[in-house]
Each structure stands twice: as C-alpha cells, then as structure tokens.
C-alpha cells in the first residue's frame, strides 16, 4: 500500500450543482487543526485502516442510482464532505487496488457519516 497514514482522532464511525465536482463541500482533514475547520453538516466519508489511522489519497467515485457520476476525485485527506440531495447513491473508495463501498441513503436535512476501513498491507 502506498497511501499516507495519518494519526487517528475519532472514536466511532460505523454508521454504515451542475458539474460533478459541485457536490464536494470539503476535502481534507490531514491535521486536527484542519479537521476543526470542516463543515459540520453534509455527508461525511471517512477513510482509515484497521488500526484506526486515517488515510488520504483515496480515489472516490459517487454515482446516482441511474449510474451518473456525481463525484470522481482523489481525497486530499481522510474526510470528504459532500452535499448530496436526498436519495440513494453508490460509493466506491479505492486505495492501491483495494476497494470499499456500497449503497448509501441520504435523507433530506440529515447529516450522515460513513466510514470506509481498509486493510493495511
């Protein structure tokens, strides 16, 4: 695995526009100071390994249920916060050929957090 490992600073995460990138509200969180500036609303995707250390440089693709790509980006840190309308979405997060993902459901006015854990090799 060639990703960067970042220190863990969270307890539990296991709740499982016109252009595509307009859905990204915030991308980062390498330092605790940076995470302190993150928005508190939206859909937060968090990337980490089994030991709990954060990951960055995760390739993330979010599609609506019709297959339209809404987000296709590389995470700049362990947190990617999105502003998605209510509905269901397919999320795929990939690091060094290892992928996690599935379907997430977003409810109107409800902030959600989804954790994606990778095995460190």
Protein backbone atom coordinates (compact mmCIF):
# COMPACT_ATOMS: atom_id res chain seq x y z
CA UNK A 1 0.00 0.00 0.00
CA UNK A 2 1.39 3.41 -0.96
CA UNK A 3 -1.09 5.67 0.82
CA UNK A 4 -0.21 8.11 3.58
CA UNK A 5 -1.14 7.13 7.13
CA UNK A 6 -2.44 9.86 9.37
CA UNK A 7 -2.99 9.91 13.17
CA UNK A 8 -6.37 8.79 14.43
CA UNK A 9 -8.51 11.34 16.26
CA UNK A 10 -12.00 9.90 16.27
CA UNK A 11 -13.94 7.38 18.34
CA UNK A 12 -16.57 5.66 16.21
CA UNK A 13 -17.59 5.97 12.58
CA UNK A 14 -19.54 2.85 11.79
CA UNK A 15 -22.87 4.15 10.64
CA UNK A 16 -22.93 2.47 7.75
CA UNK A 17 -24.64 21.55 -8.73
CA UNK A 18 -24.42 21.23 -12.37
CA UNK A 19 -20.90 19.80 -12.63
CA UNK A 20 -19.92 16.58 -10.87
CA UNK A 21 -17.44 18.25 -8.51
CA UNK A 22 -20.09 20.75 -7.33
CA UNK A 23 -21.18 18.13 -4.80
CA UNK A 24 -17.87 18.34 -2.92
CA UNK A 25 -18.17 20.72 0.02
CA UNK A 26 -14.86 19.99 1.74
CA UNK A 27 -11.90 17.71 1.06
CA UNK A 28 -9.05 17.31 3.57
CA UNK A 29 -8.52 16.80 7.27
CA UNK A 30 -4.87 15.79 7.47
CA UNK A 31 -4.28 17.75 10.69
CA UNK A 32 -6.56 18.16 13.69
CA UNK A 33 -6.49 21.92 13.07
CA UNK A 34 -7.73 21.37 9.53
CA UNK A 35 -10.47 18.99 10.70
CA UNK A 36 -11.61 21.64 13.20
CA UNK A 37 -12.47 23.92 10.24
CA UNK A 38 -14.58 21.28 8.46
CA UNK A 39 -18.29 21.87 7.97
CA UNK A 40 -20.49 20.03 10.45
CA UNK A 41 -23.33 19.35 8.02
CA UNK A 42 -23.48 17.19 4.92
CA UNK A 43 -22.49 13.65 4.10
CA UNK A 44 -19.06 12.83 5.51
CA UNK A 45 -16.99 10.00 4.07
CA UNK A 46 -14.07 8.98 6.33
CA UNK A 47 -11.16 6.76 5.22
CA UNK A 48 -8.98 4.76 7.63
CA UNK A 49 -7.17 1.46 8.19
CA UNK A 50 -7.91 -1.31 10.71
CA UNK A 51 -5.66 0.22 13.37
CA UNK A 52 -7.71 3.42 13.18
CA UNK A 53 -5.11 5.58 11.41
CA UNK A 54 -6.56 7.92 8.84
CA UNK A 55 -5.91 7.57 5.11
CA UNK A 56 -5.59 10.15 2.36
CA UNK A 57 -5.14 9.82 -1.40
CA UNK A 58 -8.24 7.64 -1.69
CA UNK A 59 -9.92 7.55 -5.11
CA UNK A 60 -13.62 8.21 -4.57
CA UNK A 61 -16.46 7.83 -7.05
CA UNK A 62 -20.10 8.55 -6.20
CA UNK A 63 -22.90 7.69 -8.65
CA UNK A 64 -26.62 8.19 -8.51
CA UNK A 65 -28.78 5.09 -8.93
CA UNK A 66 -29.06 5.76 -12.68
CA UNK A 67 -25.26 5.43 -12.95
CA UNK A 68 -24.49 9.13 -13.44
CA UNK A 69 -21.12 10.01 -11.87
CA UNK A 70 -21.59 12.87 -9.40
CA UNK A 71 -18.16 12.81 -7.75
CA UNK A 72 -14.89 11.41 -9.10
CA UNK A 73 -11.95 12.66 -7.06
CA UNK A 74 -8.87 11.82 -5.03
CA UNK A 75 -9.22 12.62 -1.33
CA UNK A 76 -6.80 15.24 -0.03
CA UNK A 77 -7.19 13.85 3.48
CA UNK A 78 -9.28 11.38 5.44
CA UNK A 79 -12.51 13.38 5.21
CA UNK A 80 -14.60 14.10 2.14
CA UNK A 81 -17.76 16.06 2.89
CA UNK A 82 -20.46 16.09 0.21
CA UNK A 83 -23.70 17.97 -0.35
CA UNK A 84 -25.93 15.35 -1.94
CA UNK A 85 -29.68 15.66 -2.41
CA UNK A 86 -31.88 13.10 -0.64
CA UNK A 87 -31.70 9.71 -2.33
CA UNK A 88 -29.57 6.63 -2.74
CA UNK A 89 -26.02 6.64 -4.10
CA UNK A 90 -23.36 4.10 -4.97
CA UNK A 91 -20.00 4.92 -3.36
CA UNK A 92 -16.67 3.31 -4.26
CA UNK A 93 -13.48 4.20 -2.37
CA UNK A 94 -10.21 2.69 -3.61
CA UNK A 95 -6.62 2.67 -2.35
CA UNK A 96 -3.85 0.75 -4.11
CA UNK A 97 -6.28 -1.64 -5.77
CA UNK A 98 -8.27 -2.36 -2.58
CA UNK A 99 -11.86 -1.11 -2.73
CA UNK A 100 -14.68 -0.49 -0.27
CA UNK A 101 -18.15 0.79 -0.97
CA UNK A 102 -21.82 0.14 -1.33
CA UNK A 103 -25.10 1.99 -1.46
CA UNK A 104 -25.74 4.85 0.96
CA UNK A 105 -29.04 6.56 1.67
CA UNK A 106 -29.24 10.30 2.24
CA UNK A 107 -32.27 11.83 3.92
CA UNK A 108 -33.31 15.46 3.49
CA UNK A 109 -31.78 17.67 6.20
CA UNK A 110 -29.93 14.78 7.91
CA UNK A 111 -26.13 14.77 8.18
CA UNK A 112 -24.58 11.30 7.93
CA UNK A 113 -21.12 9.87 8.38
CA UNK A 114 -19.86 6.77 6.56
CA UNK A 115 -16.57 5.07 7.43
CA UNK A 116 -14.51 3.09 4.90
CA UNK A 117 -11.93 0.81 6.51
CA UNK A 118 -9.03 -0.65 4.53
CA UNK A 119 -6.57 -3.40 5.48
CA UNK A 120 -3.00 -2.16 5.70
CA UNK A 121 -0.55 -4.42 3.90
